[in-house]
């Protein structure tokens, strides 16, 4: 799967939205806000750049590692 497709799918996921809100300390309540936060974190204008800009791809991979770490450390009792 290309990064662009994966990023679009992730932005739809409530857990990823909560992660981005936690990471950025800003409200991320839907897929559009998640897409904005992801673009900011990856320093890109469009998610398409994730497939064409190697540095953006590396930043995206780092963001995914952070998300996975966050998911693994999260207390399931606090998942509402």
C-alpha atoms as a PDB file:
ATOM      1  CA  UNK A   1       0.000   0.000   0.000  1.00  0.00           C
ATOM      2  CA  UNK A   2       1.284   3.406  -0.854  1.00  0.00           C
ATOM      3  CA  UNK A   3       1.792   5.890   1.955  1.00  0.00           C
ATOM      4  CA  UNK A   4      -0.888   8.181   0.560  1.00  0.00           C
ATOM      5  CA  UNK A   5      -3.557   5.492   0.776  1.00  0.00           C
ATOM      6  CA  UNK A   6      -2.453   4.411   4.232  1.00  0.00           C
ATOM      7  CA  UNK A   7      -2.462   7.986   5.499  1.00  0.00           C
ATOM      8  CA  UNK A   8      -5.963   8.570   4.144  1.00  0.00           C
ATOM      9  CA  UNK A   9      -7.219   5.425   5.884  1.00  0.00           C
ATOM     10  CA  UNK A  10      -5.493   6.277   9.143  1.00  0.00           C
ATOM     11  CA  UNK A  11      -7.050   9.733   9.209  1.00  0.00           C
ATOM     12  CA  UNK A  12     -10.461   8.045   9.247  1.00  0.00           C
ATOM     13  CA  UNK A  13      -9.653   6.083  12.408  1.00  0.00           C
ATOM     14  CA  UNK A  14     -10.810   7.582  15.724  1.00  0.00           C
ATOM     15  CA  UNK A  15      -7.759   6.168  17.538  1.00  0.00           C
ATOM     16  CA  UNK A  16      -5.422   7.945  15.114  1.00  0.00           C
ATOM     17  CA  UNK A  17      -7.422  11.144  15.520  1.00  0.00           C
ATOM     18  CA  UNK A  18      -7.059  10.870  19.313  1.00  0.00           C
ATOM     19  CA  UNK A  19      -3.340  10.222  18.911  1.00  0.00           C
ATOM     20  CA  UNK A  20      -2.921  13.323  16.750  1.00  0.00           C
ATOM     21  CA  UNK A  21      -4.877  15.389  19.279  1.00  0.00           C
ATOM     22  CA  UNK A  22      -2.589  14.095  22.022  1.00  0.00           C
ATOM     23  CA  UNK A  23       0.538  14.695  19.934  1.00  0.00           C
ATOM     24  CA  UNK A  24      -0.362  18.203  18.793  1.00  0.00           C
ATOM     25  CA  UNK A  25      -2.307  19.263  21.882  1.00  0.00           C
ATOM     26  CA  UNK A  26      -5.056  20.481  19.544  1.00  0.00           C
ATOM     27  CA  UNK A  27      -8.563  19.272  18.775  1.00  0.00           C
ATOM     28  CA  UNK A  28      -8.684  16.584  16.098  1.00  0.00           C
ATOM     29  CA  UNK A  29     -12.283  15.497  15.830  1.00  0.00           C
ATOM     30  CA  UNK A  30     -12.657  14.218  12.281  1.00  0.00           C
ATOM     31  CA  UNK A  31     -10.783  12.958   9.231  1.00  0.00           C
ATOM     32  CA  UNK A  32     -10.281  16.457   7.812  1.00  0.00           C
ATOM     33  CA  UNK A  33      -8.672  17.737  11.002  1.00  0.00           C
ATOM     34  CA  UNK A  34      -6.563  14.572  11.141  1.00  0.00           C
ATOM     35  CA  UNK A  35      -5.384  15.182   7.579  1.00  0.00           C
ATOM     36  CA  UNK A  36      -4.357  18.737   8.488  1.00  0.00           C
ATOM     37  CA  UNK A  37      -2.473  17.512  11.565  1.00  0.00           C
ATOM     38  CA  UNK A  38      -0.778  14.751   9.573  1.00  0.00           C
ATOM     39  CA  UNK A  39       0.331  17.196   6.879  1.00  0.00           C
ATOM     40  CA  UNK A  40       1.698  19.517   9.553  1.00  0.00           C
ATOM     41  CA  UNK A  41       3.572  16.716  11.305  1.00  0.00           C
ATOM     42  CA  UNK A  42       5.034  15.448   8.023  1.00  0.00           C
ATOM     43  CA  UNK A  43       5.758  18.991   6.791  1.00  0.00           C
ATOM     44  CA  UNK A  44       3.876  18.553   3.525  1.00  0.00           C
ATOM     45  CA  UNK A  45       1.145  20.353   1.613  1.00  0.00           C
ATOM     46  CA  UNK A  46      -0.537  17.202   0.299  1.00  0.00           C
ATOM     47  CA  UNK A  47      -0.532  13.566   1.376  1.00  0.00           C
ATOM     48  CA  UNK A  48       0.546  12.711  -2.197  1.00  0.00           C
ATOM     49  CA  UNK A  49       3.998  14.008  -1.242  1.00  0.00           C
ATOM     50  CA  UNK A  50       4.394  11.025   1.075  1.00  0.00           C
ATOM     51  CA  UNK A  51       4.955   8.884  -2.033  1.00  0.00           C
ATOM     52  CA  UNK A  52       7.257  11.290  -3.856  1.00  0.00           C
ATOM     53  CA  UNK A  53       9.296  13.047  -1.163  1.00  0.00           C
ATOM     54  CA  UNK A  54      11.687  10.643   0.612  1.00  0.00           C
ATOM     55  CA  UNK A  55      12.090  12.935   3.645  1.00  0.00           C
ATOM     56  CA  UNK A  56       8.321  13.245   4.023  1.00  0.00           C
ATOM     57  CA  UNK A  57       8.083   9.448   3.795  1.00  0.00           C
ATOM     58  CA  UNK A  58      10.596   9.137   6.627  1.00  0.00           C
ATOM     59  CA  UNK A  59       8.647  11.613   8.750  1.00  0.00           C
ATOM     60  CA  UNK A  60       5.464   9.636   8.051  1.00  0.00           C
ATOM     61  CA  UNK A  61       7.152   6.380   9.071  1.00  0.00           C
ATOM     62  CA  UNK A  62       8.297   8.059  12.292  1.00  0.00           C
ATOM     63  CA  UNK A  63       4.753   9.292  12.941  1.00  0.00           C
ATOM     64  CA  UNK A  64       3.423   5.752  12.470  1.00  0.00           C
ATOM     65  CA  UNK A  65       6.003   4.398  14.939  1.00  0.00           C
ATOM     66  CA  UNK A  66       4.917   7.038  17.440  1.00  0.00           C
ATOM     67  CA  UNK A  67       1.271   6.080  16.896  1.00  0.00           C
ATOM     68  CA  UNK A  68       2.023   2.383  17.402  1.00  0.00           C
ATOM     69  CA  UNK A  69       3.986   3.144  20.580  1.00  0.00           C
ATOM     70  CA  UNK A  70       1.130   5.325  21.820  1.00  0.00           C
ATOM     71  CA  UNK A  71      -1.395   2.567  21.103  1.00  0.00           C
ATOM     72  CA  UNK A  72       0.721  -0.012  22.927  1.00  0.00           C
ATOM     73  CA  UNK A  73       1.103   2.199  26.028  1.00  0.00           C
ATOM     74  CA  UNK A  74      -2.460   3.474  26.127  1.00  0.00           C
ATOM     75  CA  UNK A  75      -4.709   2.374  28.974  1.00  0.00           C
ATOM     76  CA  UNK A  76      -7.708   0.589  27.387  1.00  0.00           C
ATOM     77  CA  UNK A  77      -9.895   1.747  30.279  1.00  0.00           C
ATOM     78  CA  UNK A  78      -9.444   5.332  29.044  1.00  0.00           C
ATOM     79  CA  UNK A  79     -10.515   4.510  25.475  1.00  0.00           C
ATOM     80  CA  UNK A  80     -13.947   6.135  25.135  1.00  0.00           C
END
